[in-house]
Amino acid sequence: MRPNLLVILPHDLGKCTSVHGAPAHTPSLDSFSQTATTFTNALAVAPTCSPSRAALFTGLYPHQSGMIGLAHLGFRLHRTDRHLAERLRTSGYRTILSGIQHEAPNHEDLGYTNYIGHDPDKPFQSDFDPVQFDRANSAACASFLSSSSDTAGSPWFLSLGLFLPHRPFVGSDSSKHAAAIPAGLPPTEAVREDAALFYASVQEMDMNIGTVLSALDASGQGETTMVVIVTDHGIDFPRYKNTLSDGGLAVTLMIRMPGQREACESASLVSLVDVYPTILTALGLQSAEDVPANDARCIPEVWRSREAHSRTHAFSEINYHVAYQPERCVTTSRYRLCRRYHANSAILPNIGDSPSKDAVYRENQPIGLGMGREDVQAATALYDRWYDPLQNHNLFPLHALSAVASDMENALDNWMDTTKDPLCTGDVAAPDSATVAPVDLYSSHSADIIKQQELHT
């Protein structure tokens, strides 16, 4: 029988775990890392939710799959046939979802045959409690794992989408004592309290992951189950989520193959678009029809094969979040080259509302990718990730003719051309079903407000 597959997908985690040296308390992930491969240089395809998740589950870039914005704002995945759940369902897997999915209005549209746990629509209701939601879903997954060990039959794919550590953060006044704040943010009391609640949310997330992993081990199915723990993009703070920086793109990715019992660590450049072909190949399901028309490839450290080659360039994009923000970038192990196809220094509605956002904006500090409020940056930027981890200093004006810049520009041009990126010929058009906020607003809830107004008129 083919291996089972467990995917655990926290929301907005970035690399803020103790596994990666962050000041977060994540003992469950620490323990898991001792029997898994941890990728320290894994990058999201997009620093925003639905586009990144769609790429993870289809092996397609957002402009290829159609998921160029947020699913709950009316953007739609065109290639639901390629979704991992549908691909596995048609291969004889039982496909079960618990918690968040952000790729379609209904989980059944993606190929999930069953939903377990809390009401999947709860996150969009006014009385939503993220703690109870995640705990109920984790408990449901644990119950499923216990019962599935007694059932002989088809293999299963279980996807747990944790809401946390997405905002609203959880915690109490007693937890507002963070010793550290995310790098690059002003050390104000408001930011410290915001960060403390974030770390409390990460700890809650880790506890739920521990519940599920313990149930898997207790069920005796760990030897026959591939486990993938991955997040969608960076944390929801200014200069992180929805920016083409390491803060927005660098993600947690840990993979345990069936029977793996040793800790491995890889600094190889990995794109989340690679997870899809890696899973299908590891499960023995990769076929010619599954191969994307792009550069997605099996991750060598997982699938040890002569055909698996480490990538030298990783590509990421932004199209829509709350407002239109067309940007592209290419990353190597050391450098990142970014292109901005708009004239704004920062698109404020695309930065999540928070005390930290207010503090950064009030102090006139960079709120996006090396962008000050009044500093309209050049259309192309080159950053040294080794010496400038926050991507503050644009090297392109001094190194535009260098071999590094030339190579990266050519790589980005070739990728955009090969994948038929609509930005090659003009703007990326939003579908008629989508709600898009003007770029000159402030709140990240602007599109939600506009959508509600449209529903009531």
Protein backbone atom coordinates (compact mmCIF):
# COMPACT_ATOMS: atom_id res chain seq x y z
CA MET A 1 0.00 0.00 0.00
CA ARG A 2 1.19 3.53 -0.72
CA PRO A 3 2.34 5.73 2.19
CA ASN A 4 -0.13 7.97 4.02
CA LEU A 5 0.39 11.73 3.88
CA LEU A 6 -0.03 14.24 6.72
CA VAL A 7 0.37 17.95 5.91
CA ILE A 8 0.27 20.47 8.79
CA LEU A 9 0.04 24.06 7.61
CA PRO A 10 0.23 26.86 10.22
CA HIS A 11 -0.89 30.31 9.11
CA ASP A 12 1.58 33.24 8.86
CA LEU A 13 4.42 31.52 10.76
CA GLY A 14 7.43 32.39 8.61
CA LYS A 15 10.52 30.99 10.36
CA CYS A 16 9.56 32.11 13.86
CA THR A 17 10.30 28.83 15.62
CA SER A 18 12.99 27.80 18.06
CA VAL A 19 14.13 25.32 15.40
CA HIS A 20 15.30 28.34 13.39
CA GLY A 21 16.66 30.22 16.42
CA ALA A 22 13.72 32.58 16.90
CA PRO A 23 12.69 33.59 20.45
CA ALA A 24 9.65 31.32 20.27
CA HIS A 25 8.76 28.30 22.41
CA THR A 26 8.10 25.43 19.99
CA PRO A 27 9.04 22.15 21.72
CA SER A 28 6.82 20.05 19.44
CA LEU A 29 8.60 21.32 16.34
CA ASP A 30 11.95 20.92 18.10
CA SER A 31 11.13 17.27 18.76
CA PHE A 32 9.87 16.69 15.22
CA SER A 33 13.07 18.15 13.77
CA GLN A 34 15.02 15.30 15.37
CA THR A 35 13.42 12.82 12.95
CA ALA A 36 12.91 15.06 9.91
CA THR A 37 14.72 17.14 7.30
CA THR A 38 14.61 20.86 8.09
CA PHE A 39 15.09 23.24 5.17
CA THR A 40 16.68 26.48 6.33
CA ASN A 41 16.47 28.25 2.96
CA ALA A 42 12.90 27.49 1.88
CA LEU A 43 11.03 30.32 0.17
CA ALA A 44 7.36 30.99 -0.49
CA VAL A 45 6.18 31.53 -4.05
CA ALA A 46 4.13 34.50 -2.81
CA PRO A 47 4.14 36.32 0.54
CA THR A 48 0.34 36.25 0.71
CA CYS A 49 -2.05 33.47 1.72
CA SER A 50 -4.12 32.03 -1.16
CA PRO A 51 -1.48 32.43 -3.90
CA SER A 52 1.18 30.74 -1.77
CA ARG A 53 -1.10 27.88 -0.69
CA ALA A 54 -2.31 27.31 -4.24
CA ALA A 55 1.30 27.05 -5.44
CA LEU A 56 2.12 24.63 -2.64
CA PHE A 57 -0.80 22.34 -3.50
CA THR A 58 -0.64 22.54 -7.33
CA GLY A 59 3.03 23.05 -8.25
CA LEU A 60 1.98 26.09 -10.30
CA TYR A 61 2.90 29.74 -9.85
CA PRO A 62 -0.02 32.06 -9.03
CA HIS A 63 -0.18 33.60 -12.50
CA GLN A 64 -0.33 30.05 -13.94
CA SER A 65 -3.03 28.69 -11.64
CA GLY A 66 -5.22 31.80 -11.62
CA MET A 67 -4.93 32.24 -7.84
CA ILE A 68 -3.46 35.75 -8.02
CA GLY A 69 -5.31 37.11 -4.98
CA LEU A 70 -7.26 36.01 -1.91
CA ALA A 71 -9.92 33.33 -2.29
CA HIS A 72 -12.39 34.98 0.11
CA LEU A 73 -12.20 38.20 -1.96
CA GLY A 74 -13.34 36.45 -5.14
CA PHE A 75 -10.10 35.20 -6.74
CA ARG A 76 -10.39 31.68 -8.10
CA LEU A 77 -8.09 28.73 -8.69
CA HIS A 78 -8.49 27.72 -12.35
CA ARG A 79 -6.70 24.39 -12.05
CA THR A 80 -8.58 22.61 -9.25
CA ASP A 81 -7.83 19.38 -11.11
CA ARG A 82 -4.17 19.81 -10.14
CA HIS A 83 -4.84 20.34 -6.44
CA LEU A 84 -3.06 17.74 -4.35
CA ALA A 85 -6.30 16.59 -2.72
CA GLU A 86 -7.95 15.97 -6.10
CA ARG A 87 -4.81 14.33 -7.46
CA LEU A 88 -4.66 11.94 -4.52
CA ARG A 89 -8.41 11.31 -4.48
CA THR A 90 -8.30 10.11 -8.07
CA SER A 91 -5.38 7.86 -7.10
CA GLY A 92 -7.37 6.05 -4.44
CA TYR A 93 -6.56 8.09 -1.34
CA ARG A 94 -9.04 9.07 1.31
CA THR A 95 -8.69 12.88 1.39
CA ILE A 96 -9.54 14.62 4.66
CA LEU A 97 -9.36 18.29 5.57
CA SER A 98 -9.44 19.82 9.03
CA GLY A 99 -9.17 23.54 9.70
CA ILE A 100 -8.26 26.21 7.17
CA GLN A 101 -8.01 25.89 3.43
CA HIS A 102 -7.71 29.14 1.50
CA GLU A 103 -7.78 28.01 -2.12
CA ALA A 104 -11.52 27.69 -2.85
CA PRO A 105 -14.93 28.68 -1.43
CA ASN A 106 -15.65 25.01 -0.62
CA HIS A 107 -13.20 22.27 0.35
CA GLU A 108 -15.06 19.78 -1.83
CA ASP A 109 -14.09 21.84 -4.88
CA LEU A 110 -10.47 20.87 -4.21
CA GLY A 111 -10.94 17.12 -3.94
CA TYR A 112 -11.37 16.69 -0.18
CA THR A 113 -13.99 14.03 0.41
CA ASN A 114 -14.39 14.67 4.13
CA TYR A 115 -14.05 17.51 6.64
CA ILE A 116 -13.44 16.78 10.32
CA GLY A 117 -13.47 19.11 13.30
CA HIS A 118 -14.85 22.61 13.69
CA ASP A 119 -17.09 24.45 11.21
CA PRO A 120 -14.75 25.46 8.32
CA ASP A 121 -16.64 28.76 7.88
CA LYS A 122 -16.02 29.85 11.48
CA PRO A 123 -12.95 32.04 10.71
CA PHE A 124 -15.19 34.36 8.69
CA GLN A 125 -17.78 34.82 11.46
CA SER A 126 -17.83 37.57 14.08
CA ASP A 127 -17.74 35.20 17.10
CA PHE A 128 -14.65 33.33 15.88
CA ASP A 129 -12.34 31.96 18.60
CA PRO A 130 -9.01 30.88 17.04
CA VAL A 131 -7.92 28.94 20.14
CA GLN A 132 -11.04 26.77 20.26
CA PHE A 133 -11.02 26.38 16.48
CA ASP A 134 -7.46 25.05 16.31
CA ARG A 135 -7.83 22.88 19.42
CA ALA A 136 -11.04 21.28 18.13
CA ASN A 137 -9.49 20.54 14.75
CA SER A 138 -6.28 19.15 16.24
CA ALA A 139 -8.34 16.90 18.52
CA ALA A 140 -10.39 15.74 15.51
CA CYS A 141 -7.17 14.89 13.65
CA ALA A 142 -5.87 12.99 16.65
CA SER A 143 -9.14 11.03 16.82
CA PHE A 144 -8.94 10.25 13.11
CA LEU A 145 -5.37 9.00 13.42
CA SER A 146 -6.35 6.74 16.30
CA SER A 147 -9.29 5.26 14.41
CA SER A 148 -7.52 4.96 11.04
CA SER A 149 -4.91 2.68 12.59
CA ASP A 150 -7.62 0.06 13.08
CA THR A 151 -8.90 0.27 9.51
CA ALA A 152 -7.25 -1.66 6.73
CA GLY A 153 -7.86 -0.14 3.33
CA SER A 154 -6.86 2.75 1.13
CA PRO A 155 -4.14 5.17 2.22
CA TRP A 156 -5.16 8.58 3.53
CA PHE A 157 -4.17 12.22 3.03
CA LEU A 158 -4.92 14.41 6.03
CA SER A 159 -4.44 18.18 5.76
CA LEU A 160 -4.57 20.22 8.98
CA GLY A 161 -4.76 23.96 8.37
CA LEU A 162 -4.09 25.74 11.67
CA PHE A 163 -5.44 29.27 11.95
CA LEU A 164 -2.72 30.44 14.35
CA PRO A 165 -0.45 32.31 14.47
CA HIS A 166 -2.56 34.45 12.12
CA ARG A 167 -4.11 37.55 13.66
CA PRO A 168 -6.02 38.00 15.93
CA PHE A 169 -3.24 36.86 18.23
CA VAL A 170 -4.08 35.07 21.45
CA GLY A 171 -2.80 35.60 24.96
CA SER A 172 -3.44 37.74 27.99
CA ASP A 173 -1.95 40.74 29.75
CA SER A 174 0.40 38.38 31.59
CA SER A 175 1.94 37.31 28.26
CA LYS A 176 2.84 40.85 27.18
CA HIS A 177 6.50 40.65 28.13
CA ALA A 178 8.36 39.68 24.96
CA ALA A 179 12.11 39.93 25.38
CA ALA A 180 12.50 40.38 21.63
CA ILE A 181 10.60 41.89 18.74
CA PRO A 182 10.80 41.02 15.03
CA ALA A 183 13.94 42.50 13.51
CA GLY A 184 13.56 45.89 11.88
CA LEU A 185 10.62 47.11 13.96
CA PRO A 186 10.82 50.06 16.39
CA PRO A 187 11.23 48.94 20.04
CA THR A 188 8.11 50.72 21.30
CA GLU A 189 5.90 49.34 24.05
CA ALA A 190 3.05 48.79 21.59
CA VAL A 191 5.28 46.73 19.30
CA ARG A 192 6.64 44.71 22.24
CA GLU A 193 3.12 43.87 23.42
CA ASP A 194 2.10 42.98 19.88
CA ALA A 195 5.13 40.70 19.54
CA ALA A 196 4.47 39.06 22.92
CA LEU A 197 0.95 38.10 21.85
CA PHE A 198 2.35 36.76 18.58
CA TYR A 199 4.80 34.50 20.40
CA ALA A 200 1.95 33.31 22.66
CA SER A 201 0.05 32.41 19.48
CA VAL A 202 3.06 30.49 18.15
CA GLN A 203 3.24 28.54 21.41
CA GLU A 204 -0.46 27.66 21.14
CA MET A 205 0.11 26.56 17.53
CA ASP A 206 3.00 24.34 18.58
CA MET A 207 0.91 22.68 21.29
CA ASN A 208 -1.71 21.71 18.68
CA ILE A 209 0.96 20.32 16.36
CA GLY A 210 2.20 18.24 19.28
CA THR A 211 -1.29 16.84 19.81
CA VAL A 212 -1.44 15.57 16.23
CA LEU A 213 2.12 14.23 16.05
CA SER A 214 1.70 12.38 19.35
CA ALA A 215 -1.47 10.77 18.03
CA LEU A 216 0.34 9.74 14.85
CA ASP A 217 3.13 8.09 16.82
CA ALA A 218 0.68 6.40 19.19
CA SER A 219 -1.29 5.00 16.24
CA GLY A 220 1.78 3.17 14.98
CA GLN A 221 1.42 4.78 11.54
CA GLY A 222 4.52 6.96 11.70
CA GLU A 223 6.51 4.31 9.83
CA THR A 224 4.08 4.44 6.90
CA THR A 225 3.30 8.17 6.80
CA MET A 226 5.04 11.04 5.04
CA VAL A 227 4.74 14.18 7.20
CA VAL A 228 5.12 17.71 5.84
CA ILE A 229 5.04 20.74 8.17
CA VAL A 230 5.08 23.96 6.18
CA THR A 231 3.76 27.49 6.42
CA ASP A 232 2.54 29.80 3.69
CA HIS A 233 4.68 32.95 4.15
CA GLY A 234 6.09 35.39 6.67
CA ILE A 235 4.62 36.75 9.88
CA ASP A 236 1.93 39.43 9.90
CA PHE A 237 4.08 42.44 10.77
CA PRO A 238 5.27 45.41 8.71
CA ARG A 239 8.19 44.49 6.43
CA TYR A 240 7.25 40.82 6.59
CA LYS A 241 3.96 39.46 5.20
CA ASN A 242 3.21 40.65 1.66
CA THR A 243 6.73 41.92 1.00
CA LEU A 244 9.34 40.29 -1.24
CA SER A 245 11.86 40.22 1.59
CA ASP A 246 13.20 37.29 3.55
CA GLY A 247 10.73 38.37 6.23
CA GLY A 248 7.89 37.79 3.78
CA LEU A 249 9.22 34.82 1.82
CA ALA A 250 11.38 32.72 4.16
CA VAL A 251 9.27 29.89 5.57
CA THR A 252 9.34 26.85 7.80
CA LEU A 253 9.54 23.60 5.82
CA MET A 254 10.16 20.25 7.53
CA ILE A 255 9.64 16.88 5.87
CA ARG A 256 9.77 13.42 7.41
CA MET A 257 9.75 10.45 5.09
CA PRO A 258 8.13 7.17 6.21
CA GLY A 259 10.42 5.47 8.69
CA GLN A 260 12.89 8.38 8.93
CA ARG A 261 14.45 8.55 12.35
CA GLU A 262 17.45 10.86 11.94
CA ALA A 263 17.69 14.64 11.99
CA CYS A 264 18.82 16.29 8.76
CA GLU A 265 19.30 19.93 7.88
CA SER A 266 19.62 21.42 4.42
CA ALA A 267 20.59 24.93 3.38
CA SER A 268 19.72 24.23 -0.26
CA LEU A 269 17.52 26.77 -2.00
CA VAL A 270 13.97 25.37 -2.07
CA SER A 271 10.77 26.90 -3.42
CA LEU A 272 7.39 25.85 -2.08
CA VAL A 273 6.42 25.13 -5.69
CA ASP A 274 8.76 22.12 -5.36
CA VAL A 275 6.72 20.47 -2.61
CA TYR A 276 4.01 19.24 -5.01
CA PRO A 277 6.24 17.18 -7.35
CA THR A 278 8.26 15.99 -4.34
CA ILE A 279 5.17 14.58 -2.61
CA LEU A 280 3.82 12.91 -5.73
CA THR A 281 7.18 11.33 -6.49
CA ALA A 282 7.64 10.15 -2.90
CA LEU A 283 4.18 8.56 -2.99
CA GLY A 284 4.96 6.88 -6.30
CA LEU A 285 2.39 8.92 -8.23
CA GLN A 286 4.39 11.38 -10.33
CA SER A 287 3.48 11.11 -14.01
CA ALA A 288 4.12 13.10 -17.16
CA GLU A 289 0.78 14.87 -16.72
CA ASP A 290 1.84 16.07 -13.26
CA VAL A 291 4.97 17.86 -14.48
CA PRO A 292 4.29 21.63 -14.39
CA ALA A 293 5.24 23.89 -17.28
CA ASN A 294 7.72 25.71 -15.08
CA ASP A 295 10.85 25.04 -13.03
CA ALA A 296 9.22 23.04 -10.20
CA ARG A 297 11.35 20.04 -9.31
CA CYS A 298 11.75 17.32 -6.70
CA ILE A 299 13.70 18.37 -3.62
CA PRO A 300 16.95 16.36 -3.76
CA GLU A 301 17.28 15.89 0.00
CA VAL A 302 13.86 14.18 0.08
CA TRP A 303 13.89 12.27 -3.18
CA ARG A 304 17.44 11.08 -3.69
CA SER A 305 17.64 10.57 -7.42
CA ARG A 306 19.92 11.42 -10.29
CA GLU A 307 17.04 13.33 -11.83
CA ALA A 308 16.67 15.60 -8.79
CA HIS A 309 18.80 18.73 -9.03
CA SER A 310 19.17 21.58 -6.55
CA ARG A 311 17.83 24.87 -7.84
CA THR A 312 20.04 27.91 -8.31
CA HIS A 313 17.20 30.45 -8.58
CA ALA A 314 13.82 30.71 -6.83
CA PHE A 315 11.02 32.95 -8.12
CA SER A 316 8.28 34.76 -6.22
CA GLU A 317 5.51 37.17 -7.06
CA ILE A 318 2.82 39.51 -5.75
CA ASN A 319 -0.27 40.42 -7.74
CA TYR A 320 -3.15 41.20 -5.39
CA HIS A 321 -3.62 41.09 -1.66
CA VAL A 322 -6.12 43.72 -0.57
CA ALA A 323 -4.99 46.10 -3.33
CA TYR A 324 -3.08 45.65 -6.60
CA GLN A 325 0.67 45.29 -6.07
CA PRO A 326 2.45 43.81 -9.12
CA GLU A 327 5.97 42.75 -8.10
CA ARG A 328 8.36 39.96 -9.08
CA CYS A 329 11.66 38.70 -7.69
CA VAL A 330 14.35 36.09 -8.19
CA THR A 331 16.47 34.77 -5.32
CA THR A 332 19.76 32.91 -5.21
CA SER A 333 21.50 31.55 -2.13
CA ARG A 334 22.97 35.02 -1.56
CA TYR A 335 21.15 37.69 -3.58
CA ARG A 336 17.61 38.81 -4.37
CA LEU A 337 16.63 40.95 -7.34
CA CYS A 338 13.20 42.59 -7.15
CA ARG A 339 11.14 44.43 -9.74
CA ARG A 340 8.24 46.67 -8.94
CA TYR A 341 5.66 47.29 -11.65
CA HIS A 342 3.89 50.13 -9.84
CA ALA A 343 4.78 53.64 -8.74
CA ASN A 344 3.95 53.45 -5.03
CA SER A 345 6.57 53.58 -2.28
CA ALA A 346 4.36 51.32 -0.15
CA ILE A 347 0.82 50.00 -0.56
CA LEU A 348 -0.49 50.39 2.95
CA PRO A 349 -3.71 48.34 2.75
CA ASN A 350 -1.56 45.32 1.93
CA ILE A 351 0.22 45.59 5.29
CA GLY A 352 -1.88 43.96 8.02
CA ASP A 353 -3.52 46.32 10.50
CA SER A 354 -1.82 46.12 13.89
CA PRO A 355 -0.27 48.22 16.66
CA SER A 356 3.07 47.50 14.98
CA LYS A 357 1.90 48.90 11.64
CA ASP A 358 0.67 52.06 13.37
CA ALA A 359 3.96 52.47 15.25
CA VAL A 360 6.10 52.02 12.13
CA TYR A 361 3.96 54.41 10.12
CA ARG A 362 3.95 57.09 12.84
CA GLU A 363 7.75 56.96 13.10
CA ASN A 364 8.12 57.22 9.30
CA GLN A 365 10.17 54.04 9.17
CA PRO A 366 10.27 51.61 6.23
CA ILE A 367 7.01 49.68 6.18
CA GLY A 368 7.57 47.59 3.06
CA LEU A 369 10.59 46.26 1.20
CA GLY A 370 13.21 48.92 1.91
CA MET A 371 10.62 51.62 1.24
CA GLY A 372 10.23 54.73 3.33
CA ARG A 373 6.95 56.62 3.22
CA GLU A 374 8.35 59.31 0.96
CA ASP A 375 11.10 57.28 -0.69
CA VAL A 376 9.96 56.07 -4.10
CA GLN A 377 12.47 53.33 -4.78
CA ALA A 378 13.89 52.41 -8.16
CA ALA A 379 11.86 49.94 -10.18
CA THR A 380 14.63 47.34 -9.80
CA ALA A 381 16.44 46.52 -6.56
CA LEU A 382 19.28 44.14 -5.72
CA TYR A 383 19.86 42.97 -2.16
CA ASP A 384 22.64 40.97 -0.50
CA ARG A 385 20.83 38.51 1.78
CA TRP A 386 24.00 37.63 3.70
CA TYR A 387 24.94 41.15 4.78
CA ASP A 388 21.54 42.82 4.52
CA PRO A 389 18.99 40.29 5.87
CA LEU A 390 16.27 42.93 6.18
CA GLN A 391 16.78 44.08 2.57
CA ASN A 392 17.35 47.71 3.46
CA HIS A 393 20.05 48.63 0.97
CA ASN A 394 19.44 48.61 -2.77
CA LEU A 395 22.71 47.72 -4.50
CA PHE A 396 21.31 47.86 -8.03
CA PRO A 397 22.25 51.51 -8.82
CA LEU A 398 25.92 50.63 -8.17
CA HIS A 399 25.89 47.10 -9.58
CA ALA A 400 23.42 47.24 -12.47
CA LEU A 401 26.11 46.16 -14.92
CA SER A 402 27.63 43.49 -12.71
CA ALA A 403 27.59 39.80 -13.64
CA VAL A 404 25.38 39.04 -10.62
CA ALA A 405 22.72 41.58 -11.60
CA SER A 406 22.86 40.57 -15.26
CA ASP A 407 22.47 36.88 -14.46
CA MET A 408 19.54 37.50 -12.16
CA GLU A 409 17.77 39.84 -14.58
CA ASN A 410 18.14 37.27 -17.35
CA ALA A 411 16.85 34.50 -15.08
CA LEU A 412 13.82 36.57 -14.10
CA ASP A 413 13.11 37.52 -17.73
CA ASN A 414 13.34 33.89 -18.83
CA TRP A 415 11.07 32.69 -16.03
CA MET A 416 8.43 35.32 -16.78
CA ASP A 417 8.55 34.49 -20.47
CA THR A 418 8.53 30.70 -20.02
CA THR A 419 5.63 30.76 -17.56
CA LYS A 420 3.68 33.25 -19.69
CA ASP A 421 3.53 35.86 -16.97
CA PRO A 422 0.88 38.45 -17.94
CA LEU A 423 3.15 41.21 -16.63
CA CYS A 424 5.25 40.70 -19.76
CA THR A 425 2.56 42.46 -21.77
CA GLY A 426 0.70 44.64 -19.26
CA ASP A 427 -1.20 44.64 -16.01
CA VAL A 428 -2.49 41.49 -14.32
CA ALA A 429 -6.26 41.78 -14.55
CA ALA A 430 -8.42 40.79 -11.60
CA PRO A 431 -11.45 38.60 -12.37
CA ASP A 432 -14.89 40.19 -12.32
CA SER A 433 -15.69 38.21 -9.17
CA ALA A 434 -12.86 39.83 -7.18
CA THR A 435 -13.05 42.76 -4.78
CA VAL A 436 -9.99 45.03 -4.91
CA ALA A 437 -9.31 48.04 -2.68
CA PRO A 438 -7.75 51.30 -3.94
CA VAL A 439 -4.02 51.52 -3.25
CA ASP A 440 -4.30 54.85 -1.40
CA LEU A 441 -6.26 53.48 1.59
CA TYR A 442 -4.67 52.48 4.91
CA SER A 443 -6.60 49.58 6.41
CA SER A 444 -5.96 45.97 5.45
CA HIS A 445 -9.70 45.42 5.93
CA SER A 446 -10.56 47.85 3.13
CA ALA A 447 -11.51 45.16 0.60
CA ASP A 448 -13.63 43.30 3.16
CA ILE A 449 -15.52 46.52 3.92
CA ILE A 450 -16.02 47.23 0.22
CA LYS A 451 -17.24 43.67 -0.33
CA GLN A 452 -19.78 43.95 2.49
CA GLN A 453 -21.02 47.24 1.09
CA GLU A 454 -21.45 45.64 -2.33
CA LEU A 455 -23.42 42.75 -0.82
CA HIS A 456 -25.83 45.18 0.83
CA THR A 457 -26.46 47.36 -2.24
